[in-house]
């Protein structure tokens, strides 16, 4: 049965029995249609179409939305075996916002019976080359021009394929932003140039309703998609700005206009790990005493570096990435607890902040109080195992227990008299969300995100600046600083890596004034997550972000870095209003901030121009 759902902006023609849907947007000749019927992928991998099921539907309105309810029963596998579960859907228009809302609930599925729900179906994308593009939340952001499809790794929401629960498409200026309202068990797949959202079970079953919102526009671009999502977060009170974070923890203000200095105290790489170097044993074990690091900081101060946020790796008993979540005692050869305290005191004497690396996900078998019962347990009772990182054999600590370990360890820092200004809880803001089936401490993926935020919030409550690795949306509100948030390339660190799609600062268009993001590299092309053709320093300027300094830099590098630091001081608390691609090559860019500051950069020539609201102009070449 064909239904018509419409308002002044949107007209939806919908037949739930065959699962056909077409959206027409006022002011545009472009329409958007579902490419195929929704489906259920079973636990054995077989996919069954909802269009083959028995459908009962009815129009429904409740004063705030109008739409169609449908229920699908008699769902069968290819051999005709009927399943007990049913699928209930609701497609509607919300009257005030004009958004299309799509909801689906599976009723009665058994444990492990369903692997994925492919609903809503993907939109057809019929733009020819030069007529449109797809916008993906892959790391900082990826634009995929029509006619140039890409592949993705896994399509996880809240991992590198999905910093944000968002995607969109634009065809001739007409487009849509698709937002996962229930994002924690969400994924997406690319079928050619079409984006298929789907949902996976939580702790073995489709235990709650899943929902997406689609907001259509007649004239817009990737900036429009970003700002739709920013408005979505603002309306729900979940966009926490740096101003709000400063109000809670005044130390956060120090980060504005401050470079990040990243250094390491000690390394111990175990034999049999990925990084073990049998030919160069000195690479596997080394140590820089705390007082040597202090001397290097004094040198930076003498060069006119007035602010530094120090990020210190490898301070624990065996050095970097060892023994977590119990890396104590402090590394003895580096100077022990007294030496670490003295380094922190030197930072404060110089007017610098002292931050450390820490870890509460990788759970090392040789940590002093290891218990496999505290590890993430999978549905079959097994546990993750790896010996990839420096410290060797490890599994994953259940996120439900992580806050207790954080509390214990930071009580120990206080007992030792080591005053920390910041702490980086490794991988919390980059790796996929864990779910744990251990009945003594079960955790859904949503609860995992809450537990990670709890750990970061515990730092804030102690006056410690919270940071983590990258920028997963689900923990960003509890972070003030990240390690980096660059782009998805063919490789992260190969010297010849190139961009996958066209890089855009999609994340910064939403969250620029919410978190401090440093960029690595001056007077160079390529870095981790930066293509070999691109200059990370230009991205720092275009994104209005801070930069990394290093302890061995020269005076010219110090002064050059101050250009970015001054810009960050100006715009860190501003919204990144718009980012423009100025030419067909996509190499010339312009960013505009809410205070009126503009930045133009050319990735071919390396030239940049910063124009401040008071008329000051800063030009240079990277």
Protein backbone atom coordinates (compact mmCIF):
# COMPACT_ATOMS: atom_id res chain seq x y z
CA UNK A 1 0.00 0.00 0.00
CA UNK A 2 1.32 3.43 -1.00
CA UNK A 3 1.37 6.17 1.64
CA UNK A 4 2.05 9.89 1.27
CA UNK A 5 3.76 11.73 4.15
CA UNK A 6 4.49 15.39 3.58
CA UNK A 7 4.94 18.90 4.88
CA UNK A 8 6.05 22.17 3.28
CA UNK A 9 9.65 20.98 2.85
CA UNK A 10 9.49 17.22 2.34
CA UNK A 11 7.29 14.82 0.40
CA UNK A 12 7.72 11.10 1.15
CA UNK A 13 6.11 8.38 -0.98
CA UNK A 14 6.32 5.12 0.93
CA UNK A 15 5.16 1.56 0.38
CA UNK A 16 6.11 -0.56 3.43
CA UNK A 17 5.05 -3.84 1.83
CA UNK A 18 7.73 -3.69 -0.86
CA UNK A 19 9.86 -1.26 1.17
CA UNK A 20 10.10 1.42 -1.50
CA UNK A 21 10.56 5.02 -0.38
CA UNK A 22 11.20 8.25 -2.29
CA UNK A 23 11.91 11.65 -0.75
CA UNK A 24 11.37 14.85 -2.71
CA UNK A 25 12.83 18.07 -1.28
CA UNK A 26 11.15 21.42 -1.91
CA UNK A 27 13.35 23.72 -3.97
CA UNK A 28 15.23 20.92 -5.72
CA UNK A 29 14.68 18.62 -8.68
CA UNK A 30 16.76 15.92 -6.97
CA UNK A 31 14.98 13.08 -5.17
CA UNK A 32 16.33 10.37 -2.85
CA UNK A 33 15.08 6.77 -2.91
CA UNK A 34 15.83 3.54 -1.10
CA UNK A 35 17.99 1.25 -3.23
CA UNK A 36 16.47 -2.00 -1.97
CA UNK A 37 14.31 -3.49 0.76
CA UNK A 38 15.50 -3.76 4.34
CA UNK A 39 16.79 -7.10 5.53
CA UNK A 40 17.95 -9.18 8.46
CA UNK A 41 21.31 -10.95 8.43
CA UNK A 42 21.06 -14.11 10.48
CA UNK A 43 23.68 -15.47 12.82
CA UNK A 44 24.66 -18.06 10.20
CA UNK A 45 25.32 -15.32 7.64
CA UNK A 46 22.17 -15.79 5.55
CA UNK A 47 20.36 -12.57 4.68
CA UNK A 48 16.56 -12.51 4.49
CA UNK A 49 14.56 -9.66 2.97
CA UNK A 50 11.73 -8.02 4.88
CA UNK A 51 9.93 -7.57 1.56
CA UNK A 52 9.35 -11.34 1.52
CA UNK A 53 7.65 -11.26 4.92
CA UNK A 54 4.00 -10.62 5.75
CA UNK A 55 3.50 -6.88 6.22
CA UNK A 56 0.74 -5.12 8.13
CA UNK A 57 0.79 -1.33 8.05
CA UNK A 58 -1.20 1.70 9.16
CA UNK A 59 -0.94 5.46 9.04
CA UNK A 60 -0.23 7.05 12.40
CA UNK A 61 -0.06 10.59 13.77
CA UNK A 62 0.29 11.85 17.31
CA UNK A 63 0.44 15.63 16.98
CA UNK A 64 4.23 15.90 16.72
CA UNK A 65 4.90 13.45 13.92
CA UNK A 66 3.09 11.76 11.06
CA UNK A 67 4.04 8.51 9.51
CA UNK A 68 3.48 4.83 8.89
CA UNK A 69 3.81 1.90 11.24
CA UNK A 70 4.53 -1.52 9.80
CA UNK A 71 5.08 -4.97 11.25
CA UNK A 72 6.86 -7.81 9.45
CA UNK A 73 6.04 -11.36 10.48
CA UNK A 74 6.46 -14.77 8.89
CA UNK A 75 10.13 -14.10 8.21
CA UNK A 76 11.65 -17.23 6.70
CA UNK A 77 15.06 -18.51 5.66
CA UNK A 78 15.66 -19.77 2.08
CA UNK A 79 14.52 -23.28 3.10
CA UNK A 80 11.16 -21.91 4.27
CA UNK A 81 11.84 -22.22 8.01
CA UNK A 82 9.88 -19.49 9.78
CA UNK A 83 11.45 -17.53 12.61
CA UNK A 84 9.66 -16.55 15.78
CA UNK A 85 10.89 -12.97 15.76
CA UNK A 86 9.17 -10.06 14.04
CA UNK A 87 10.31 -6.58 13.02
CA UNK A 88 8.31 -3.44 13.78
CA UNK A 89 9.13 -0.22 11.91
CA UNK A 90 8.00 3.39 11.93
CA UNK A 91 8.82 5.90 9.20
CA UNK A 92 7.64 9.43 9.89
CA UNK A 93 8.12 13.17 9.52
CA UNK A 94 8.60 15.22 12.66
CA UNK A 95 6.35 18.20 12.14
CA UNK A 96 8.50 20.96 13.67
CA UNK A 97 11.95 20.03 12.38
CA UNK A 98 10.93 18.44 9.09
CA UNK A 99 13.30 15.55 9.81
CA UNK A 100 12.52 12.04 8.59
CA UNK A 101 12.76 9.58 11.44
CA UNK A 102 13.17 5.85 10.90
CA UNK A 103 12.75 3.38 13.76
CA UNK A 104 12.97 -0.39 13.89
CA UNK A 105 12.51 -2.86 16.74
CA UNK A 106 13.09 -6.61 16.61
CA UNK A 107 10.73 -8.55 18.85
CA UNK A 108 11.47 -12.07 20.10
CA UNK A 109 14.89 -12.86 18.64
CA UNK A 110 16.91 -15.55 20.35
CA UNK A 111 20.46 -15.14 21.64
CA UNK A 112 22.81 -15.04 18.65
CA UNK A 113 19.98 -15.55 16.17
CA UNK A 114 20.50 -12.22 14.40
CA UNK A 115 23.85 -10.80 13.27
CA UNK A 116 22.60 -7.49 11.84
CA UNK A 117 19.50 -5.48 10.99
CA UNK A 118 19.87 -3.63 7.67
CA UNK A 119 17.25 -0.96 8.24
CA UNK A 120 16.75 1.69 7.02
CA UNK A 121 17.80 0.63 3.53
CA UNK A 122 20.56 2.59 1.81
CA UNK A 123 19.79 5.58 -0.41
CA UNK A 124 20.43 5.38 -4.14
CA UNK A 125 23.24 7.69 -5.20
CA UNK A 126 22.81 8.66 -8.83
CA UNK A 127 25.15 11.65 -9.06
CA UNK A 128 27.58 11.58 -11.96
CA UNK A 129 31.22 12.60 -11.69
CA UNK A 130 31.43 16.24 -10.64
CA UNK A 131 27.79 16.32 -9.53
CA UNK A 132 28.08 15.34 -5.87
CA UNK A 133 29.84 13.42 -3.14
CA UNK A 134 29.49 11.26 -0.05
CA UNK A 135 30.55 12.55 3.38
CA UNK A 136 31.93 9.99 5.82
CA UNK A 137 33.05 10.44 9.46
CA UNK A 138 36.31 8.55 8.91
CA UNK A 139 38.69 10.10 11.42
CA UNK A 140 38.78 13.89 10.87
CA UNK A 141 36.57 13.51 7.81
CA UNK A 142 36.43 12.09 4.28
CA UNK A 143 34.68 13.42 1.19
CA UNK A 144 34.21 10.83 -1.58
CA UNK A 145 33.56 12.47 -4.96
CA UNK A 146 30.88 10.87 -7.11
CA UNK A 147 32.39 8.41 -9.54
CA UNK A 148 35.30 7.58 -7.22
CA UNK A 149 34.07 4.94 -4.76
CA UNK A 150 36.33 3.85 -1.91
CA UNK A 151 36.47 0.87 0.43
CA UNK A 152 36.27 0.94 4.20
CA UNK A 153 37.80 -1.32 6.84
CA UNK A 154 34.85 -2.17 9.07
CA UNK A 155 32.39 0.72 9.20
CA UNK A 156 32.25 0.80 12.99
CA UNK A 157 30.58 3.81 14.54
CA UNK A 158 32.86 5.03 17.34
CA UNK A 159 36.10 3.81 15.82
CA UNK A 160 38.37 5.22 13.09
CA UNK A 161 35.74 4.58 10.40
CA UNK A 162 33.24 6.58 12.44
CA UNK A 163 34.45 9.27 14.86
CA UNK A 164 30.85 10.54 14.76
CA UNK A 165 27.50 8.72 14.25
CA UNK A 166 26.91 10.61 11.04
CA UNK A 167 27.14 10.40 7.26
CA UNK A 168 25.62 12.27 4.36
CA UNK A 169 25.44 12.75 0.63
CA UNK A 170 25.09 15.72 -1.69
CA UNK A 171 23.86 15.70 -5.29
CA UNK A 172 23.67 19.00 -7.13
CA UNK A 173 23.45 20.92 -3.85
CA UNK A 174 20.56 18.79 -2.58
CA UNK A 175 21.53 16.43 0.18
CA UNK A 176 20.89 14.84 3.53
CA UNK A 177 22.57 14.28 6.86
CA UNK A 178 21.94 10.85 8.39
CA UNK A 179 22.36 10.65 12.18
CA UNK A 180 22.33 7.49 14.28
CA UNK A 181 20.08 8.31 17.24
CA UNK A 182 21.03 4.92 18.73
CA UNK A 183 24.71 4.79 17.75
CA UNK A 184 26.40 2.40 20.15
CA UNK A 185 25.63 -0.80 18.24
CA UNK A 186 25.67 0.86 14.81
CA UNK A 187 27.73 0.30 11.70
CA UNK A 188 27.76 1.27 8.04
CA UNK A 189 28.89 -0.44 4.86
CA UNK A 190 29.64 0.97 1.41
CA UNK A 191 27.94 -0.73 -1.52
CA UNK A 192 29.58 1.04 -4.41
CA UNK A 193 28.73 4.67 -3.68
CA UNK A 194 25.72 3.89 -1.50
CA UNK A 195 25.92 3.94 2.30
CA UNK A 196 24.12 1.10 4.07
CA UNK A 197 23.53 1.71 7.78
CA UNK A 198 22.99 -1.33 9.94
CA UNK A 199 22.69 -2.34 13.59
CA UNK A 200 24.17 -5.28 15.45
CA UNK A 201 22.99 -7.02 18.64
CA UNK A 202 23.82 -5.87 22.15
CA UNK A 203 25.00 -8.69 24.42
CA UNK A 204 23.65 -11.20 21.92
CA UNK A 205 20.21 -9.85 21.04
CA UNK A 206 18.44 -6.94 19.34
CA UNK A 207 17.23 -5.91 22.75
CA UNK A 208 16.05 -2.36 22.08
CA UNK A 209 14.67 -0.20 19.28
CA UNK A 210 17.06 1.38 16.78
CA UNK A 211 16.55 4.81 15.26
CA UNK A 212 18.01 7.17 12.67
CA UNK A 213 17.22 10.74 11.71
CA UNK A 214 17.55 12.09 8.16
CA UNK A 215 17.57 15.83 7.59
CA UNK A 216 17.28 16.89 3.95
CA UNK A 217 18.26 20.20 2.39
CA UNK A 218 17.82 21.73 -1.06
CA UNK A 219 20.98 23.83 -1.17
CA UNK A 220 24.04 22.94 0.87
CA UNK A 221 27.32 21.09 1.13
CA UNK A 222 29.45 19.14 3.63
CA UNK A 223 29.44 22.18 5.92
CA UNK A 224 25.64 21.92 6.06
CA UNK A 225 25.89 18.27 7.07
CA UNK A 226 28.35 19.10 9.87
CA UNK A 227 26.25 21.96 11.18
CA UNK A 228 23.09 19.83 11.19
CA UNK A 229 24.87 17.41 13.48
CA UNK A 230 26.29 20.19 15.67
CA UNK A 231 22.76 21.59 16.08
CA UNK A 232 21.53 18.09 16.93
CA UNK A 233 24.10 17.83 19.73
CA UNK A 234 23.44 21.37 20.97
CA UNK A 235 19.68 20.78 21.18
CA UNK A 236 20.26 17.74 23.37
CA UNK A 237 22.71 19.55 25.65
CA UNK A 238 25.50 17.11 24.78
CA UNK A 239 27.88 19.53 23.07
CA UNK A 240 30.33 20.41 25.85
CA UNK A 241 32.55 23.32 24.81
CA UNK A 242 36.03 24.21 26.03
CA UNK A 243 34.48 27.14 27.87
CA UNK A 244 32.37 24.70 29.86
CA UNK A 245 35.35 22.42 30.44
CA UNK A 246 37.41 25.39 31.65
CA UNK A 247 34.63 26.31 34.08
CA UNK A 248 34.85 22.81 35.54
CA UNK A 249 38.64 22.54 35.46
CA UNK A 250 40.46 25.90 35.12
CA UNK A 251 43.72 24.19 34.12
CA UNK A 252 42.18 23.45 30.72
CA UNK A 253 42.51 27.14 29.81
CA UNK A 254 46.29 26.74 29.80
CA UNK A 255 46.03 24.55 26.69
CA UNK A 256 44.86 27.48 24.57
CA UNK A 257 47.87 28.67 22.61
CA UNK A 258 50.13 26.08 24.24
CA UNK A 259 52.30 23.62 22.29
CA UNK A 260 52.34 19.96 23.27
CA UNK A 261 55.73 18.38 23.97
CA UNK A 262 55.67 14.58 23.76
CA UNK A 263 58.61 12.63 25.15
CA UNK A 264 59.38 9.24 26.70
CA UNK A 265 61.27 8.14 29.82
CA UNK A 266 61.88 4.43 29.26
CA UNK A 267 61.23 1.56 26.86
CA UNK A 268 61.31 -2.20 27.44
CA UNK A 269 60.22 -4.23 24.40
CA UNK A 270 59.70 -7.90 25.12
CA UNK A 271 61.02 -10.58 22.83
CA UNK A 272 58.27 -12.04 20.62
CA UNK A 273 56.33 -8.78 20.28
CA UNK A 274 55.78 -6.95 17.00
CA UNK A 275 58.30 -4.24 17.88
CA UNK A 276 61.15 -6.38 19.23
CA UNK A 277 64.38 -5.66 17.34
CA UNK A 278 66.67 -8.69 17.54
CA UNK A 279 69.38 -7.03 15.46
CA UNK A 280 69.56 -3.85 17.56
CA UNK A 281 69.12 -4.76 21.24
CA UNK A 282 69.62 -1.15 22.31
CA UNK A 283 66.29 -0.32 20.65
CA UNK A 284 64.51 -2.70 23.02
CA UNK A 285 65.72 -1.25 26.32
CA UNK A 286 66.64 2.36 26.99
CA UNK A 287 65.98 5.06 29.54
CA UNK A 288 66.17 8.85 29.72
CA UNK A 289 66.43 10.00 33.35
CA UNK A 290 63.81 12.42 34.59
CA UNK A 291 66.46 15.05 35.28
CA UNK A 292 67.64 14.87 31.65
CA UNK A 293 64.09 15.65 30.50
CA UNK A 294 64.02 18.52 32.98
CA UNK A 295 67.21 19.95 31.46
CA UNK A 296 65.67 19.80 27.98
CA UNK A 297 62.62 21.70 29.23
CA UNK A 298 64.87 24.37 30.72
CA UNK A 299 66.47 24.73 27.30
CA UNK A 300 63.05 25.30 25.69
CA UNK A 301 62.29 27.95 28.28
CA UNK A 302 65.56 29.72 27.49
CA UNK A 303 64.51 29.79 23.81
CA UNK A 304 61.38 31.79 24.62
CA UNK A 305 58.88 28.93 24.86
CA UNK A 306 56.66 30.34 27.59
CA UNK A 307 54.06 27.56 27.66
CA UNK A 308 54.40 23.78 27.35
CA UNK A 309 52.07 20.91 28.10
CA UNK A 310 54.42 17.98 28.68
CA UNK A 311 53.11 14.53 27.74
CA UNK A 312 55.40 11.94 29.35
CA UNK A 313 55.39 8.32 28.20
CA UNK A 314 57.18 5.38 29.81
CA UNK A 315 57.38 6.52 33.44
CA UNK A 316 56.33 3.13 34.87
CA UNK A 317 58.39 0.28 36.27
CA UNK A 318 59.10 -1.38 32.88
CA UNK A 319 58.58 1.72 30.74
CA UNK A 320 56.11 2.45 27.96
CA UNK A 321 53.15 0.11 27.34
CA UNK A 322 54.09 -2.34 30.09
CA UNK A 323 52.32 -3.79 33.17
CA UNK A 324 49.11 -1.74 32.85
CA UNK A 325 46.87 -1.13 34.69
CA UNK A 326 49.45 -1.39 37.51
CA UNK A 327 52.70 0.12 36.16
CA UNK A 328 54.05 1.08 39.60
CA UNK A 329 56.61 1.55 41.02
CA UNK A 330 57.90 4.52 39.03
CA UNK A 331 60.89 3.59 36.83
CA UNK A 332 63.85 3.29 39.19
CA UNK A 333 66.67 3.82 36.68
CA UNK A 334 65.05 7.07 35.56
CA UNK A 335 65.04 8.39 39.12
CA UNK A 336 62.08 6.68 40.75
CA UNK A 337 59.18 8.49 42.37
CA UNK A 338 61.46 11.23 43.71
CA UNK A 339 62.83 11.90 40.22
CA UNK A 340 59.35 11.97 38.67
CA UNK A 341 58.19 14.37 41.38
CA UNK A 342 61.22 16.58 40.71
CA UNK A 343 60.39 16.64 36.98
CA UNK A 344 56.85 17.75 37.78
CA UNK A 345 58.23 20.42 40.11
CA UNK A 346 60.55 21.64 37.32
CA UNK A 347 57.56 21.94 34.98
CA UNK A 348 55.75 24.08 37.51
CA UNK A 349 58.84 26.20 38.19
CA UNK A 350 59.06 26.92 34.44
CA UNK A 351 55.35 27.67 34.18
CA UNK A 352 54.71 24.43 32.27
CA UNK A 353 52.13 21.69 32.86
CA UNK A 354 53.04 18.08 33.62
CA UNK A 355 50.98 15.32 32.00
CA UNK A 356 51.50 11.59 31.65
CA UNK A 357 50.53 8.60 29.53
CA UNK A 358 48.38 5.95 31.20
CA UNK A 359 46.37 2.90 30.09
CA UNK A 360 43.20 1.11 31.29
CA UNK A 361 42.20 -1.12 28.39
CA UNK A 362 45.21 -3.29 27.55
CA UNK A 363 45.47 -5.66 30.52
CA UNK A 364 48.92 -7.24 30.78
CA UNK A 365 49.29 -10.78 32.06
CA UNK A 366 52.38 -9.82 34.06
CA UNK A 367 50.77 -6.89 35.86
CA UNK A 368 51.20 -7.62 39.60
CA UNK A 369 47.51 -8.13 40.38
CA UNK A 370 46.35 -9.74 37.12
CA UNK A 371 43.15 -11.80 37.21
CA UNK A 372 41.55 -13.17 34.06
CA UNK A 373 38.18 -12.80 35.78
CA UNK A 374 38.60 -9.02 35.39
CA UNK A 375 39.06 -9.25 31.62
CA UNK A 376 36.50 -8.69 28.87
CA UNK A 377 34.72 -11.99 28.30
CA UNK A 378 33.23 -12.78 24.91
CA UNK A 379 29.86 -14.45 24.32
CA UNK A 380 31.48 -17.91 24.14
CA UNK A 381 33.45 -17.44 27.36
CA UNK A 382 36.75 -16.71 25.61
CA UNK A 383 39.03 -13.70 26.07
CA UNK A 384 41.02 -11.52 23.73
CA UNK A 385 44.75 -12.27 23.54
CA UNK A 386 47.59 -10.37 21.91
CA UNK A 387 51.34 -9.95 22.30
CA UNK A 388 51.67 -7.12 19.79
CA UNK A 389 52.66 -4.16 22.00
CA UNK A 390 55.92 -3.59 23.87
CA UNK A 391 54.75 -5.25 27.09
CA UNK A 392 53.84 -8.55 25.49
CA UNK A 393 50.91 -10.79 26.40
CA UNK A 394 47.74 -8.93 27.27
CA UNK A 395 43.98 -9.13 27.10
CA UNK A 396 41.40 -6.34 27.66
CA UNK A 397 40.35 -5.01 31.05
CA UNK A 398 36.57 -4.84 31.38
CA UNK A 399 35.50 -1.21 31.20
CA UNK A 400 33.17 -1.70 34.17
CA UNK A 401 36.25 -2.16 36.40
CA UNK A 402 38.46 0.55 34.85
CA UNK A 403 37.24 3.43 37.08
CA UNK A 404 38.30 1.50 40.21
CA UNK A 405 41.82 1.10 38.82
CA UNK A 406 41.98 4.80 37.94
CA UNK A 407 40.94 5.75 41.46
CA UNK A 408 43.56 3.44 42.98
CA UNK A 409 46.42 4.67 40.80
CA UNK A 410 45.74 8.37 41.20
CA UNK A 411 45.47 7.94 44.95
CA UNK A 412 48.98 6.46 44.66
CA UNK A 413 50.27 9.50 42.79
CA UNK A 414 48.92 11.68 45.59
CA UNK A 415 50.58 9.47 48.20
CA UNK A 416 53.89 9.82 46.34
CA UNK A 417 53.51 13.60 46.21
CA UNK A 418 53.59 13.66 42.39
CA UNK A 419 51.41 16.55 41.23
CA UNK A 420 49.89 15.81 37.83
CA UNK A 421 48.32 18.48 35.66
CA UNK A 422 47.14 16.11 32.93
CA UNK A 423 46.73 12.46 32.06
CA UNK A 424 46.24 10.65 28.78
CA UNK A 425 44.15 7.49 29.08
CA UNK A 426 45.37 5.62 26.05
CA UNK A 427 43.06 4.26 23.28
CA UNK A 428 39.79 5.17 25.03
CA UNK A 429 38.96 7.60 22.21
CA UNK A 430 39.98 5.50 19.23
CA UNK A 431 39.36 1.74 19.64
CA UNK A 432 35.96 0.12 19.27
CA UNK A 433 33.67 -0.06 22.26
CA UNK A 434 33.90 -3.35 24.15
CA UNK A 435 31.03 -5.44 25.40
CA UNK A 436 31.61 -7.93 28.18
CA UNK A 437 29.53 -11.07 28.84
CA UNK A 438 31.03 -11.86 32.25
CA UNK A 439 27.96 -12.11 34.56
CA UNK A 440 29.96 -10.55 37.41
CA UNK A 441 30.60 -7.33 35.46
CA UNK A 442 28.59 -7.29 32.22
CA UNK A 443 28.92 -4.22 30.01
CA UNK A 444 27.17 -3.18 26.81
CA UNK A 445 28.96 -0.98 24.29
CA UNK A 446 26.95 1.99 25.52
CA UNK A 447 28.01 1.23 29.08
CA UNK A 448 31.61 0.92 27.86
CA UNK A 449 31.43 4.49 26.55
CA UNK A 450 29.97 5.62 29.87
CA UNK A 451 32.73 3.81 31.76
CA UNK A 452 35.45 5.41 29.65
CA UNK A 453 33.93 8.82 30.26
CA UNK A 454 33.71 8.04 33.97
CA UNK A 455 37.48 7.44 34.01
CA UNK A 456 38.14 10.75 32.25
CA UNK A 457 35.67 12.59 34.47
CA UNK A 458 37.47 11.24 37.53
CA UNK A 459 40.58 13.04 36.32
CA UNK A 460 38.67 16.29 35.88
CA UNK A 461 37.28 15.94 39.40
CA UNK A 462 40.89 15.88 40.67
CA UNK A 463 41.86 18.97 38.67
CA UNK A 464 43.75 16.87 36.09
CA UNK A 465 43.34 17.68 32.38
CA UNK A 466 41.75 14.60 30.73
CA UNK A 467 43.02 13.46 27.35
CA UNK A 468 43.08 10.40 25.13
CA UNK A 469 44.25 9.26 21.72
CA UNK A 470 41.87 10.45 19.01
CA UNK A 471 38.35 11.91 18.99
CA UNK A 472 35.49 9.46 19.30
CA UNK A 473 32.35 11.51 19.67
CA UNK A 474 31.07 9.32 22.53
CA UNK A 475 33.91 10.35 24.87
CA UNK A 476 34.86 13.80 23.51
CA UNK A 477 32.60 15.58 25.98
CA UNK A 478 34.81 14.28 28.81
CA UNK A 479 38.12 15.13 27.10
CA UNK A 480 39.96 18.44 26.86
CA UNK A 481 42.88 17.25 24.73
CA UNK A 482 43.67 14.46 22.29
CA UNK A 483 46.89 13.13 20.80
CA UNK A 484 45.82 13.80 17.21
CA UNK A 485 42.80 13.61 14.88
CA UNK A 486 44.16 13.42 11.33
CA UNK A 487 42.85 11.75 8.18
CA UNK A 488 42.31 8.27 6.78
CA UNK A 489 45.10 7.39 4.34
CA UNK A 490 46.19 4.26 2.51
CA UNK A 491 48.46 3.71 5.53
CA UNK A 492 48.94 5.57 8.77
CA UNK A 493 52.73 5.73 8.76
CA UNK A 494 54.11 4.55 5.38
CA UNK A 495 56.19 7.28 3.74
CA UNK A 496 54.30 7.03 0.43
CA UNK A 497 50.76 7.04 1.86
CA UNK A 498 48.05 9.02 0.09
CA UNK A 499 44.60 10.22 1.05
CA UNK A 500 41.60 7.91 0.77
CA UNK A 501 39.02 10.26 -0.66
CA UNK A 502 39.37 14.01 -0.12
CA UNK A 503 40.26 15.08 3.44
CA UNK A 504 37.89 17.56 5.09
CA UNK A 505 37.79 18.82 8.70
CA UNK A 506 34.33 17.37 9.33
CA UNK A 507 35.01 16.69 13.00
CA UNK A 508 36.35 20.20 13.57
CA UNK A 509 33.31 21.71 11.87
CA UNK A 510 31.31 20.14 14.69
CA UNK A 511 33.70 20.13 17.66
CA UNK A 512 36.47 22.71 17.07
CA UNK A 513 35.61 24.76 20.16
CA UNK A 514 35.14 21.64 22.28
CA UNK A 515 38.59 20.02 22.34
CA UNK A 516 42.26 20.86 21.77
CA UNK A 517 43.79 18.95 18.85
CA UNK A 518 47.56 19.15 18.16
CA UNK A 519 49.14 18.55 14.73
CA UNK A 520 52.61 17.16 14.13
CA UNK A 521 55.24 18.52 11.78
CA UNK A 522 56.63 21.83 10.54
CA UNK A 523 58.28 22.42 7.15
CA UNK A 524 57.51 18.88 6.05
CA UNK A 525 55.04 16.85 4.05
CA UNK A 526 53.44 13.78 5.53
CA UNK A 527 53.03 12.58 9.10
CA UNK A 528 51.01 9.93 10.91
CA UNK A 529 47.58 10.15 9.25
CA UNK A 530 48.73 12.86 6.83
CA UNK A 531 49.35 12.06 3.17
CA UNK A 532 52.90 12.35 1.82
CA UNK A 533 51.67 15.22 -0.39
CA UNK A 534 50.23 17.31 2.46
CA UNK A 535 51.70 19.55 5.14
CA UNK A 536 50.38 18.89 8.66
CA UNK A 537 51.24 22.47 9.65
CA UNK A 538 48.80 23.80 7.04
CA UNK A 539 46.12 21.54 8.46
CA UNK A 540 46.85 22.93 11.93
CA UNK A 541 46.26 26.44 10.57
CA UNK A 542 43.15 25.55 8.56
CA UNK A 543 41.68 23.74 11.57
CA UNK A 544 42.66 26.48 14.02
CA UNK A 545 44.47 23.95 16.20
CA UNK A 546 47.70 23.80 18.19
CA UNK A 547 50.98 22.07 17.26
CA UNK A 548 53.61 19.79 18.72
CA UNK A 549 56.97 21.12 19.82
CA UNK A 550 59.86 18.78 20.58
CA UNK A 551 62.71 19.05 23.02
CA UNK A 552 65.45 19.27 20.38
CA UNK A 553 63.94 21.96 18.15
CA UNK A 554 65.90 25.02 17.06
CA UNK A 555 65.07 28.70 17.42
CA UNK A 556 63.65 29.03 13.90
CA UNK A 557 61.23 26.18 14.55
CA UNK A 558 60.17 27.75 17.85
CA UNK A 559 59.36 31.06 16.17
CA UNK A 560 57.63 29.43 13.21
CA UNK A 561 55.45 27.36 15.52
CA UNK A 562 54.30 30.55 17.27
CA UNK A 563 52.29 31.48 14.16
CA UNK A 564 50.02 28.49 14.78
CA UNK A 565 50.03 29.05 18.55
CA UNK A 566 48.91 32.66 18.15
CA UNK A 567 46.12 31.57 15.80
CA UNK A 568 45.04 28.90 18.28
CA UNK A 569 44.98 31.48 21.05
CA UNK A 570 42.68 33.60 18.87
CA UNK A 571 40.20 30.96 17.68
CA UNK A 572 40.34 27.98 20.09
CA UNK A 573 37.05 29.01 21.70
CA UNK A 574 35.41 29.82 18.35
CA UNK A 575 33.25 27.70 16.11
CA UNK A 576 34.79 26.68 12.79
CA UNK A 577 31.94 28.13 10.76
CA UNK A 578 32.92 27.04 7.27
CA UNK A 579 35.62 25.20 5.34
CA UNK A 580 35.84 25.75 1.58
CA UNK A 581 37.53 23.84 -1.22
CA UNK A 582 38.56 26.62 -3.58
CA UNK A 583 39.61 24.77 -6.73
CA UNK A 584 38.98 21.59 -8.68
CA UNK A 585 42.25 20.05 -7.49
CA UNK A 586 40.99 20.36 -3.87
CA UNK A 587 44.46 21.65 -2.90
CA UNK A 588 43.45 25.23 -2.15
CA UNK A 589 41.39 25.70 1.00
CA UNK A 590 39.84 28.40 3.16
CA UNK A 591 38.52 28.20 6.74
CA UNK A 592 36.36 30.81 8.44
CA UNK A 593 35.92 31.02 12.22
CA UNK A 594 33.04 32.56 14.14
CA UNK A 595 35.11 35.59 15.21
CA UNK A 596 35.79 36.47 11.56
CA UNK A 597 39.31 35.04 11.35
CA UNK A 598 40.04 33.40 8.00
CA UNK A 599 42.85 31.07 6.94
CA UNK A 600 43.76 30.27 3.34
CA UNK A 601 46.29 27.62 2.38
CA UNK A 602 47.61 25.98 -0.77
CA UNK A 603 48.92 22.43 -0.31
CA UNK A 604 50.84 22.57 -3.60
CA UNK A 605 52.78 25.79 -3.01
CA UNK A 606 52.76 25.57 0.79
CA UNK A 607 51.66 29.20 1.05
CA UNK A 608 49.21 30.37 3.69
CA UNK A 609 47.50 33.58 4.72
CA UNK A 610 45.84 34.30 8.08
CA UNK A 611 43.57 37.32 8.28
CA UNK A 612 42.49 38.41 11.76
CA UNK A 613 39.36 40.46 12.56
CA UNK A 614 41.46 43.53 13.42
CA UNK A 615 42.97 43.56 9.92
CA UNK A 616 46.28 41.90 10.74
CA UNK A 617 47.53 39.61 7.99
CA UNK A 618 50.11 36.88 8.49
CA UNK A 619 51.56 35.25 5.39
CA UNK A 620 54.02 32.40 5.12
CA UNK A 621 55.10 29.28 3.35
CA UNK A 622 55.47 25.84 4.85
